[in-house]
C-alpha atoms as a PDB file:
ATOM      1  CA  MET A   1      81.919 109.405 -21.649  1.00  0.00           C
ATOM      2  CA  LEU A   2      81.298 110.471 -25.113  1.00  0.00           C
ATOM      3  CA  SER A   3      78.261 108.742 -25.592  1.00  0.00           C
ATOM      4  CA  ASP A   4      76.827 110.611 -22.712  1.00  0.00           C
ATOM      5  CA  ILE A   5      77.687 113.783 -24.681  1.00  0.00           C
ATOM      6  CA  ILE A   6      76.918 112.589 -28.318  1.00  0.00           C
ATOM      7  CA  ASP A   7      74.064 115.205 -28.597  1.00  0.00           C
ATOM      8  CA  VAL A   8      76.200 118.277 -27.747  1.00  0.00           C
ATOM      9  CA  LEU A   9      79.074 117.555 -29.869  1.00  0.00           C
ATOM     10  CA  ALA A  10      79.229 118.723 -33.423  1.00  0.00           C
ATOM     11  CA  ASP A  11      81.426 118.379 -36.761  1.00  0.00           C
ATOM     12  CA  PRO A  12      84.380 120.598 -36.459  1.00  0.00           C
ATOM     13  CA  VAL A  13      83.933 121.456 -40.243  1.00  0.00           C
ATOM     14  CA  ASP A  14      80.389 122.342 -40.988  1.00  0.00           C
ATOM     15  CA  GLY A  15      78.712 122.191 -37.219  1.00  0.00           C
ATOM     16  CA  SER A  16      76.384 119.091 -38.453  1.00  0.00           C
ATOM     17  CA  SER A  17      75.579 116.440 -35.667  1.00  0.00           C
ATOM     18  CA  LEU A  18      77.525 113.884 -34.840  1.00  0.00           C
ATOM     19  CA  SER A  19      76.353 110.006 -34.259  1.00  0.00           C
ATOM     20  CA  GLY A  20      78.322 107.036 -32.781  1.00  0.00           C
ATOM     21  CA  VAL A  21      79.078 103.955 -35.227  1.00  0.00           C
ATOM     22  CA  ASP A  22      80.694 100.704 -35.203  1.00  0.00           C
ATOM     23  CA  ASP A  23      80.188 100.170 -31.503  1.00  0.00           C
ATOM     24  CA  PHE A  24      81.234 103.576 -31.067  1.00  0.00           C
ATOM     25  CA  SER A  25      84.650 103.526 -31.891  1.00  0.00           C
ATOM     26  CA  ARG A  26      83.408 106.554 -34.814  1.00  0.00           C
ATOM     27  CA  LEU A  27      81.973 109.428 -34.785  1.00  0.00           C
ATOM     28  CA  VAL A  28      80.032 110.315 -38.061  1.00  0.00           C
ATOM     29  CA  SER A  29      78.405 113.625 -38.660  1.00  0.00           C
ATOM     30  CA  SER A  30      75.070 113.919 -41.085  1.00  0.00           C
ATOM     31  CA  SER A  31      77.474 115.504 -43.794  1.00  0.00           C
ATOM     32  CA  GLY A  32      79.445 112.481 -44.107  1.00  0.00           C
ATOM     33  CA  HIS A  33      82.686 113.389 -41.937  1.00  0.00           C
ATOM     34  CA  SER A  34      84.306 110.717 -39.738  1.00  0.00           C
ATOM     35  CA  TYR A  35      86.129 110.768 -36.676  1.00  0.00           C
ATOM     36  CA  ASP A  36      87.937 107.792 -34.881  1.00  0.00           C
ATOM     37  CA  ILE A  37      87.607 107.555 -31.188  1.00  0.00           C
ATOM     38  CA  ALA A  38      91.182 106.171 -29.510  1.00  0.00           C
ATOM     39  CA  ARG A  39      91.339 103.475 -27.601  1.00  0.00           C
ATOM     40  CA  GLN A  40      92.045 105.647 -24.466  1.00  0.00           C
ATOM     41  CA  GLY A  41      88.301 107.016 -25.144  1.00  0.00           C
ATOM     42  CA  TYR A  42      88.899 110.605 -26.431  1.00  0.00           C
ATOM     43  CA  VAL A  43      88.291 111.806 -29.860  1.00  0.00           C
ATOM     44  CA  THR A  44      90.010 114.485 -31.906  1.00  0.00           C
ATOM     45  CA  LEU A  45      87.579 116.861 -33.171  1.00  0.00           C
ATOM     46  CA  ALA A  46      89.354 119.491 -35.374  1.00  0.00           C
ATOM     47  CA  GLY A  47      88.474 121.248 -38.600  1.00  0.00           C
ATOM     48  CA  GLY A  48      89.910 121.020 -42.391  1.00  0.00           C
ATOM     49  CA  ARG A  49      93.475 122.806 -41.205  1.00  0.00           C
ATOM     50  CA  GLY A  50      94.068 120.277 -38.460  1.00  0.00           C
ATOM     51  CA  LEU A  51      95.502 121.418 -35.055  1.00  0.00           C
ATOM     52  CA  ARG A  52      98.108 124.241 -35.145  1.00  0.00           C
ATOM     53  CA  HIS A  53      98.982 123.860 -31.595  1.00  0.00           C
ATOM     54  CA  SER A  54      99.957 120.609 -29.356  1.00  0.00           C
ATOM     55  CA  GLY A  55      99.414 122.346 -26.420  1.00  0.00           C
ATOM     56  CA  ASP A  56     100.952 120.525 -22.982  1.00  0.00           C
ATOM     57  CA  SER A  57     103.641 117.968 -23.528  1.00  0.00           C
ATOM     58  CA  MET A  58     103.648 114.825 -21.337  1.00  0.00           C
ATOM     59  CA  GLU A  59     105.659 116.260 -19.005  1.00  0.00           C
ATOM     60  CA  MET A  60     103.838 119.199 -18.463  1.00  0.00           C
ATOM     61  CA  VAL A  61     100.659 117.027 -17.888  1.00  0.00           C
ATOM     62  CA  LEU A  62     102.394 114.897 -15.412  1.00  0.00           C
ATOM     63  CA  ALA A  63     103.248 117.904 -13.493  1.00  0.00           C
ATOM     64  CA  ARG A  64      99.929 119.216 -13.010  1.00  0.00           C
ATOM     65  CA  GLU A  65      98.918 115.550 -11.891  1.00  0.00           C
ATOM     66  CA  THR A  66     101.384 116.038  -9.387  1.00  0.00           C
ATOM     67  CA  PHE A  67     100.471 119.373  -8.372  1.00  0.00           C
ATOM     68  CA  LEU A  68      96.830 119.100  -8.311  1.00  0.00           C
ATOM     69  CA  SER A  69      96.300 115.952  -6.665  1.00  0.00           C
ATOM     70  CA  GLY A  70      97.944 117.475  -3.686  1.00  0.00           C
ATOM     71  CA  GLY A  71      95.209 119.685  -3.345  1.00  0.00           C
ATOM     72  CA  HIS A  72      97.012 123.140  -3.205  1.00  0.00           C
ATOM     73  CA  PHE A  73      94.070 124.891  -5.409  1.00  0.00           C
ATOM     74  CA  ALA A  74      91.134 123.344  -3.637  1.00  0.00           C
ATOM     75  CA  PRO A  75      89.423 126.983  -3.202  1.00  0.00           C
ATOM     76  CA  PHE A  76      90.209 127.905  -6.439  1.00  0.00           C
ATOM     77  CA  VAL A  77      87.921 124.580  -7.455  1.00  0.00           C
ATOM     78  CA  GLU A  78      85.558 125.234  -4.901  1.00  0.00           C
ATOM     79  CA  ALA A  79      85.319 128.723  -6.377  1.00  0.00           C
ATOM     80  CA  VAL A  80      84.352 127.566  -9.959  1.00  0.00           C
ATOM     81  CA  THR A  81      82.156 125.016  -8.748  1.00  0.00           C
ATOM     82  CA  ALA A  82      80.109 127.941  -6.606  1.00  0.00           C
ATOM     83  CA  GLY A  83      80.413 130.209  -9.767  1.00  0.00           C
ATOM     84  CA  VAL A  84      78.627 126.941 -12.078  1.00  0.00           C
ATOM     85  CA  HIS A  85      76.107 126.538  -9.030  1.00  0.00           C
ATOM     86  CA  GLN A  86      75.216 130.491  -9.431  1.00  0.00           C
ATOM     87  CA  ALA A  87      74.965 130.181 -13.108  1.00  0.00           C
ATOM     88  CA  LEU A  88      72.868 127.516 -13.365  1.00  0.00           C
ATOM     89  CA  GLU A  89      70.270 128.981 -10.593  1.00  0.00           C
ATOM     90  CA  ASP A  90      70.432 132.090 -12.372  1.00  0.00           C
ATOM     91  CA  ASN A  91      69.119 130.506 -15.554  1.00  0.00           C
ATOM     92  CA  ALA A  92      66.361 128.811 -13.512  1.00  0.00           C
ATOM     93  CA  LEU A  93      66.903 125.321 -14.817  1.00  0.00           C
ATOM     94  CA  PRO A  94      64.041 123.015 -14.011  1.00  0.00           C
ATOM     95  CA  LEU A  95      64.892 120.081 -11.419  1.00  0.00           C
ATOM     96  CA  GLU A  96      65.225 117.583 -13.585  1.00  0.00           C
ATOM     97  CA  ALA A  97      67.433 118.950 -15.969  1.00  0.00           C
ATOM     98  CA  ARG A  98      70.778 117.522 -16.709  1.00  0.00           C
ATOM     99  CA  PRO A  99      72.789 120.923 -17.098  1.00  0.00           C
ATOM    100  CA  VAL A 100      75.687 120.507 -19.786  1.00  0.00           C
ATOM    101  CA  ILE A 101      79.456 121.817 -18.498  1.00  0.00           C
ATOM    102  CA  ALA A 102      81.846 122.460 -20.903  1.00  0.00           C
ATOM    103  CA  GLU A 103      85.606 123.073 -19.934  1.00  0.00           C
ATOM    104  CA  ILE A 104      87.736 124.649 -22.117  1.00  0.00           C
ATOM    105  CA  GLY A 105      91.253 123.563 -22.068  1.00  0.00           C
ATOM    106  CA  ALA A 106      90.046 121.422 -19.244  1.00  0.00           C
ATOM    107  CA  GLY A 107      93.766 119.320 -18.755  1.00  0.00           C
ATOM    108  CA  THR A 108      93.654 116.661 -16.543  1.00  0.00           C
ATOM    109  CA  GLY A 109      89.821 117.049 -15.513  1.00  0.00           C
ATOM    110  CA  TYR A 110      90.522 117.927 -12.298  1.00  0.00           C
ATOM    111  CA  TYR A 111      88.140 121.120 -11.982  1.00  0.00           C
ATOM    112  CA  LEU A 112      85.438 119.551 -14.383  1.00  0.00           C
ATOM    113  CA  SER A 113      85.307 116.541 -12.216  1.00  0.00           C
ATOM    114  CA  HIS A 114      84.699 118.007  -8.908  1.00  0.00           C
ATOM    115  CA  THR A 115      81.906 120.236 -10.622  1.00  0.00           C
ATOM    116  CA  LEU A 116      80.016 117.075 -12.485  1.00  0.00           C
ATOM    117  CA  ASP A 117      80.386 115.352  -8.592  1.00  0.00           C
ATOM    118  CA  ASP A 118      78.499 118.377  -7.070  1.00  0.00           C
ATOM    119  CA  VAL A 119      76.147 119.593  -9.667  1.00  0.00           C
ATOM    120  CA  ASP A 120      73.362 116.664  -9.538  1.00  0.00           C
ATOM    121  CA  GLY A 121      72.898 115.186 -13.268  1.00  0.00           C
ATOM    122  CA  SER A 122      75.010 117.453 -15.054  1.00  0.00           C
ATOM    123  CA  ARG A 123      76.831 116.208 -18.123  1.00  0.00           C
ATOM    124  CA  GLY A 124      80.382 117.548 -19.061  1.00  0.00           C
ATOM    125  CA  VAL A 125      82.573 117.850 -22.145  1.00  0.00           C
ATOM    126  CA  GLY A 126      86.148 118.762 -21.633  1.00  0.00           C
ATOM    127  CA  LEU A 127      88.155 120.289 -24.285  1.00  0.00           C
ATOM    128  CA  ASP A 128      91.652 120.759 -24.501  1.00  0.00           C
ATOM    129  CA  VAL A 129      94.432 120.465 -27.490  1.00  0.00           C
ATOM    130  CA  SER A 130      96.775 118.474 -25.795  1.00  0.00           C
ATOM    131  CA  VAL A 131      96.552 114.626 -26.612  1.00  0.00           C
ATOM    132  CA  TYR A 132      98.707 113.898 -23.371  1.00  0.00           C
ATOM    133  CA  ALA A 133      95.794 115.968 -21.563  1.00  0.00           C
ATOM    134  CA  ALA A 134      92.982 114.165 -23.095  1.00  0.00           C
ATOM    135  CA  LYS A 135      93.780 110.584 -22.212  1.00  0.00           C
ATOM    136  CA  HIS A 136      93.509 111.815 -18.538  1.00  0.00           C
ATOM    137  CA  LEU A 137      90.224 113.404 -19.221  1.00  0.00           C
ATOM    138  CA  ALA A 138      88.587 110.589 -20.683  1.00  0.00           C
ATOM    139  CA  ARG A 139      89.081 108.776 -17.225  1.00  0.00           C
ATOM    140  CA  CYS A 140      88.284 111.915 -15.082  1.00  0.00           C
ATOM    141  CA  HIS A 141      84.578 111.307 -14.461  1.00  0.00           C
ATOM    142  CA  PRO A 142      82.073 108.851 -15.760  1.00  0.00           C
ATOM    143  CA  ARG A 143      79.759 111.695 -17.079  1.00  0.00           C
ATOM    144  CA  ALA A 144      82.478 113.477 -19.150  1.00  0.00           C
ATOM    145  CA  GLY A 145      83.626 113.175 -22.595  1.00  0.00           C
ATOM    146  CA  SER A 146      87.128 114.394 -23.582  1.00  0.00           C
ATOM    147  CA  VAL A 147      88.071 116.097 -26.768  1.00  0.00           C
ATOM    148  CA  VAL A 148      91.045 117.412 -28.467  1.00  0.00           C
ATOM    149  CA  ALA A 149      89.757 120.594 -29.991  1.00  0.00           C
ATOM    150  CA  ASP A 150      91.379 124.305 -30.579  1.00  0.00           C
ATOM    151  CA  ALA A 151      89.481 126.608 -28.525  1.00  0.00           C
ATOM    152  CA  TRP A 152      90.796 129.144 -31.184  1.00  0.00           C
ATOM    153  CA  GLU A 153      88.974 127.744 -33.942  1.00  0.00           C
ATOM    154  CA  ARG A 154      84.919 126.696 -34.139  1.00  0.00           C
ATOM    155  CA  LEU A 155      84.582 124.568 -31.112  1.00  0.00           C
ATOM    156  CA  PRO A 156      82.897 121.149 -32.167  1.00  0.00           C
ATOM    157  CA  LEU A 157      79.896 122.054 -29.817  1.00  0.00           C
ATOM    158  CA  ALA A 158      76.423 122.515 -31.089  1.00  0.00           C
ATOM    159  CA  ASP A 159      74.578 125.687 -31.016  1.00  0.00           C
ATOM    160  CA  GLU A 160      73.190 126.362 -27.773  1.00  0.00           C
ATOM    161  CA  SER A 161      74.068 123.352 -26.587  1.00  0.00           C
ATOM    162  CA  VAL A 162      75.903 124.196 -23.214  1.00  0.00           C
ATOM    163  CA  ASP A 163      74.454 125.917 -19.905  1.00  0.00           C
ATOM    164  CA  ALA A 164      77.648 126.640 -18.369  1.00  0.00           C
ATOM    165  CA  ILE A 165      81.434 127.300 -19.751  1.00  0.00           C
ATOM    166  CA  THR A 166      84.275 126.891 -17.753  1.00  0.00           C
ATOM    167  CA  VAL A 167      87.470 128.526 -18.054  1.00  0.00           C
ATOM    168  CA  VAL A 168      90.609 127.741 -15.564  1.00  0.00           C
ATOM    169  CA  PHE A 169      94.191 129.941 -16.316  1.00  0.00           C
ATOM    170  CA  ALA A 170      92.860 128.631 -20.391  1.00  0.00           C
ATOM    171  CA  PRO A 171      92.087 130.592 -23.676  1.00  0.00           C
ATOM    172  CA  ARG A 172      88.841 132.089 -24.270  1.00  0.00           C
ATOM    173  CA  ASN A 173      87.225 132.728 -27.599  1.00  0.00           C
ATOM    174  CA  PRO A 174      84.387 134.830 -27.169  1.00  0.00           C
ATOM    175  CA  ALA A 175      82.483 134.622 -30.157  1.00  0.00           C
ATOM    176  CA  GLU A 176      82.346 130.819 -29.969  1.00  0.00           C
ATOM    177  CA  PHE A 177      81.036 130.722 -26.025  1.00  0.00           C
ATOM    178  CA  ALA A 178      78.159 133.131 -27.204  1.00  0.00           C
ATOM    179  CA  ARG A 179      77.429 130.359 -30.270  1.00  0.00           C
ATOM    180  CA  VAL A 180      77.264 127.188 -27.951  1.00  0.00           C
ATOM    181  CA  LEU A 181      75.782 129.103 -24.501  1.00  0.00           C
ATOM    182  CA  VAL A 182      72.155 128.542 -24.088  1.00  0.00           C
ATOM    183  CA  PRO A 183      69.941 131.871 -23.954  1.00  0.00           C
ATOM    184  CA  GLY A 184      70.962 132.941 -20.341  1.00  0.00           C
ATOM    185  CA  GLY A 185      73.899 130.765 -20.087  1.00  0.00           C
ATOM    186  CA  GLN A 186      77.023 132.128 -18.451  1.00  0.00           C
ATOM    187  CA  ALA A 187      81.214 131.573 -18.828  1.00  0.00           C
ATOM    188  CA  VAL A 188      82.737 130.776 -15.508  1.00  0.00           C
ATOM    189  CA  ILE A 189      86.286 132.432 -15.720  1.00  0.00           C
ATOM    190  CA  LEU A 190      89.317 132.050 -13.323  1.00  0.00           C
ATOM    191  CA  THR A 191      92.247 134.105 -14.216  1.00  0.00           C
ATOM    192  CA  ALA A 192      95.340 134.660 -12.249  1.00  0.00           C
ATOM    193  CA  ASP A 193      95.575 138.014 -10.407  1.00  0.00           C
ATOM    194  CA  ARG A 194      98.469 140.124  -9.488  1.00  0.00           C
ATOM    195  CA  GLY A 195     100.091 138.563  -6.601  1.00  0.00           C
ATOM    196  CA  HIS A 196      99.558 135.066  -7.566  1.00  0.00           C
ATOM    197  CA  LEU A 197     102.776 132.976  -6.695  1.00  0.00           C
ATOM    198  CA  SER A 198     104.527 135.960  -5.806  1.00  0.00           C
ATOM    199  CA  GLU A 199     107.065 134.671  -3.779  1.00  0.00           C
ATOM    200  CA  LEU A 200     108.527 132.345  -6.479  1.00  0.00           C
ATOM    201  CA  ARG A 201     109.124 135.258  -8.866  1.00  0.00           C
ATOM    202  CA  ASP A 202     112.205 136.376  -8.200  1.00  0.00           C
ATOM    203  CA  PRO A 203     114.135 132.903  -6.848  1.00  0.00           C
ATOM    204  CA  LEU A 204     112.662 131.281 -10.108  1.00  0.00           C
ATOM    205  CA  GLY A 205     112.557 134.198 -12.705  1.00  0.00           C
ATOM    206  CA  ILE A 206     109.040 133.494 -13.460  1.00  0.00           C
ATOM    207  CA  ILE A 207     106.775 135.632 -15.426  1.00  0.00           C
ATOM    208  CA  ASP A 208     104.636 138.021 -13.692  1.00  0.00           C
ATOM    209  CA  VAL A 209     101.022 138.449 -13.837  1.00  0.00           C
ATOM    210  CA  GLU A 210     100.336 141.690 -15.360  1.00  0.00           C
ATOM    211  CA  ASP A 211      97.797 144.719 -14.195  1.00  0.00           C
ATOM    212  CA  GLY A 212      94.243 144.917 -15.442  1.00  0.00           C
ATOM    213  CA  LYS A 213      94.314 141.153 -16.814  1.00  0.00           C
ATOM    214  CA  VAL A 214      90.295 141.603 -15.660  1.00  0.00           C
ATOM    215  CA  GLU A 215      89.683 144.650 -17.670  1.00  0.00           C
ATOM    216  CA  ARG A 216      90.945 143.196 -21.006  1.00  0.00           C
ATOM    217  CA  LEU A 217      88.889 139.895 -20.359  1.00  0.00           C
ATOM    218  CA  LEU A 218      86.010 142.414 -20.393  1.00  0.00           C
ATOM    219  CA  GLU A 219      86.922 144.046 -23.479  1.00  0.00           C
ATOM    220  CA  GLN A 220      87.630 140.922 -25.017  1.00  0.00           C
ATOM    221  CA  PHE A 221      83.697 139.530 -24.536  1.00  0.00           C
ATOM    222  CA  SER A 222      82.224 143.211 -25.194  1.00  0.00           C
ATOM    223  CA  GLY A 223      79.468 142.558 -27.323  1.00  0.00           C
ATOM    224  CA  TYR A 224      79.172 138.878 -26.574  1.00  0.00           C
ATOM    225  CA  LEU A 225      78.693 138.231 -23.066  1.00  0.00           C
ATOM    226  CA  GLN A 226      77.903 140.645 -20.507  1.00  0.00           C
ATOM    227  CA  GLN A 227      79.518 140.460 -16.821  1.00  0.00           C
ATOM    228  CA  VAL A 228      77.388 139.142 -14.022  1.00  0.00           C
ATOM    229  CA  GLY A 229      78.243 141.010 -10.691  1.00  0.00           C
ATOM    230  CA  GLU A 230      81.492 141.704  -9.546  1.00  0.00           C
ATOM    231  CA  ALA A 231      84.576 139.527 -10.029  1.00  0.00           C
ATOM    232  CA  GLU A 232      85.264 137.738  -7.099  1.00  0.00           C
ATOM    233  CA  VAL A 233      89.133 137.813  -5.618  1.00  0.00           C
ATOM    234  CA  VAL A 234      90.108 134.074  -4.075  1.00  0.00           C
ATOM    235  CA  GLU A 235      93.137 134.395  -2.290  1.00  0.00           C
ATOM    236  CA  PHE A 236      94.591 131.928   0.110  1.00  0.00           C
ATOM    237  CA  PRO A 237      98.410 130.515   1.476  1.00  0.00           C
ATOM    238  CA  MET A 238      99.914 127.212   0.181  1.00  0.00           C
ATOM    239  CA  ASN A 239     102.568 125.785   2.276  1.00  0.00           C
ATOM    240  CA  LEU A 240     104.814 123.889  -0.240  1.00  0.00           C
ATOM    241  CA  ASP A 241     107.493 121.821  -0.395  1.00  0.00           C
ATOM    242  CA  LYS A 242     110.096 121.735  -3.044  1.00  0.00           C
ATOM    243  CA  LYS A 243     108.713 118.720  -4.853  1.00  0.00           C
ATOM    244  CA  SER A 244     105.178 120.649  -5.347  1.00  0.00           C
ATOM    245  CA  ILE A 245     106.743 124.011  -6.336  1.00  0.00           C
ATOM    246  CA  ALA A 246     108.495 122.241  -9.147  1.00  0.00           C
ATOM    247  CA  ALA A 247     105.298 120.454 -10.285  1.00  0.00           C
ATOM    248  CA  GLN A 248     103.759 124.027 -10.219  1.00  0.00           C
ATOM    249  CA  ILE A 249     106.029 125.602 -12.447  1.00  0.00           C
ATOM    250  CA  GLY A 250     106.292 122.388 -14.700  1.00  0.00           C
ATOM    251  CA  MET A 251     102.470 123.011 -15.030  1.00  0.00           C
ATOM    252  CA  SER A 252     102.504 126.342 -16.234  1.00  0.00           C
ATOM    253  CA  PRO A 253     103.721 128.329 -19.231  1.00  0.00           C
ATOM    254  CA  SER A 254     106.680 128.989 -17.397  1.00  0.00           C
ATOM    255  CA  ALA A 255     107.915 125.597 -18.218  1.00  0.00           C
ATOM    256  CA  ARG A 256     108.156 126.545 -21.347  1.00  0.00           C
ATOM    257  CA  HIS A 257     110.746 129.609 -20.989  1.00  0.00           C
ATOM    258  CA  ILE A 258     113.196 127.808 -18.056  1.00  0.00           C
ATOM    259  CA  GLY A 259     115.010 124.716 -19.141  1.00  0.00           C
ATOM    260  CA  ALA A 260     114.281 121.643 -17.002  1.00  0.00           C
ATOM    261  CA  GLU A 261     117.685 121.882 -15.784  1.00  0.00           C
ATOM    262  CA  LEU A 262     117.810 125.257 -14.449  1.00  0.00           C
ATOM    263  CA  LEU A 263     114.597 125.253 -13.035  1.00  0.00           C
ATOM    264  CA  ALA A 264     115.815 122.153 -10.995  1.00  0.00           C
ATOM    265  CA  GLN A 265     118.845 124.056  -9.910  1.00  0.00           C
ATOM    266  CA  ARG A 266     116.605 127.377  -8.335  1.00  0.00           C
ATOM    267  CA  VAL A 267     114.229 125.239  -6.872  1.00  0.00           C
ATOM    268  CA  ALA A 268     117.189 122.994  -4.923  1.00  0.00           C
ATOM    269  CA  GLU A 269     118.506 126.678  -3.827  1.00  0.00           C
ATOM    270  CA  LEU A 270     114.808 127.370  -2.277  1.00  0.00           C
ATOM    271  CA  PRO A 271     114.212 126.433   1.454  1.00  0.00           C
ATOM    272  CA  GLU A 272     112.809 122.833   2.202  1.00  0.00           C
ATOM    273  CA  SER A 273     109.082 124.591   2.217  1.00  0.00           C
ATOM    274  CA  MET A 274     107.354 128.107   1.509  1.00  0.00           C
ATOM    275  CA  ILE A 275     104.103 129.815   2.182  1.00  0.00           C
ATOM    276  CA  VAL A 276     103.266 130.831  -1.332  1.00  0.00           C
ATOM    277  CA  THR A 277     100.278 133.218  -2.147  1.00  0.00           C
ATOM    278  CA  ALA A 278      97.846 131.817  -4.326  1.00  0.00           C
ATOM    279  CA  ARG A 279      95.404 134.756  -5.960  1.00  0.00           C
ATOM    280  CA  ALA A 280      92.973 134.809  -9.042  1.00  0.00           C
ATOM    281  CA  ARG A 281      89.777 136.183  -9.762  1.00  0.00           C
ATOM    282  CA  VAL A 282      86.078 134.118 -10.954  1.00  0.00           C
ATOM    283  CA  THR A 283      84.490 136.531 -13.481  1.00  0.00           C
ATOM    284  CA  ARG A 284      80.838 135.345 -14.689  1.00  0.00           C
ATOM    285  CA  LEU A 285      79.832 136.487 -18.048  1.00  0.00           C
ATOM    286  CA  ALA A 286      76.245 135.620 -19.351  1.00  0.00           C
ATOM    287  CA  LYS A 287      74.470 135.514 -22.632  1.00  0.00           C
ATOM    288  CA  ALA A 288      71.382 137.772 -22.855  1.00  0.00           C
ATOM    289  CA  PRO A 289      68.293 135.376 -22.363  1.00  0.00           C
ATOM    290  CA  GLN A 290      65.901 134.529 -25.484  1.00  0.00           C
ATOM    291  CA  ASN A 291      64.653 137.700 -27.617  1.00  0.00           C
ATOM    292  CA  GLN A 292      67.164 139.854 -25.396  1.00  0.00           C
ATOM    293  CA  GLU A 293      70.276 141.582 -26.914  1.00  0.00           C
ATOM    294  CA  VAL A 294      73.906 141.546 -25.021  1.00  0.00           C
ATOM    295  CA  PRO A 295      74.095 145.624 -24.974  1.00  0.00           C
ATOM    296  CA  GLN A 296      76.994 146.806 -27.025  1.00  0.00           C
ATOM    297  CA  ASN A 297      79.530 149.004 -25.136  1.00  0.00           C
END
């Protein structure tokens, strides 16, 4: 719920603190800005220019729900949660701490809810630019708050308020991650790796994963966060039927490049089930502890 993470949220315009008013139907900043909480439980926190992107459509969000509910990406979920555990252990949080975990591009909250279940006492902030996703996020977990926000802009989070950030196949904002993470906090980032869904590339005409993705990730974060250890490769086979394959493509960026009718036609020509490879890397990046600067590369 938003009330559980109100101390973490900030006015997207000027970064001032927020509080709930009118039976928590609105959030009001100390500088006087007001943001209505939707009846579904999410709040839109966008700066003066508003949202420049709409994010996933309703159809994409429903496809995501369909695919993820089948448990096909369970090893990815476990890997991200394990990364968060390691991040919190590295920063030696006291047992009584209530760590804040923020997921950027959180979608329906599938990953975030699992992590919150696994980390005792944790609180979650799910940010996504899609209103359709935010409606699902708002009910994904009792200790999660749902916020509509643009990951490319100033994040509506207070300075040094987040213990761990997770990013699963979603946008990254190095400067903002460094600003909102506590000293020693970490970002746990899952990126698709070469070979991911390779069996579907040719028959469906979907985009391949480019080489050097992790290397570009590290370049992007240079001067903001530093890598912790080596990136972990997570690879596993999935036995997918046609419905699951259609949902997987329907929730991905490829859905914007392949028309629904053409996709349905191509999926219909596939075998009744296929073994499809899932492959990605988990990279952890840390903010330097207090009184220690992040080295410049």
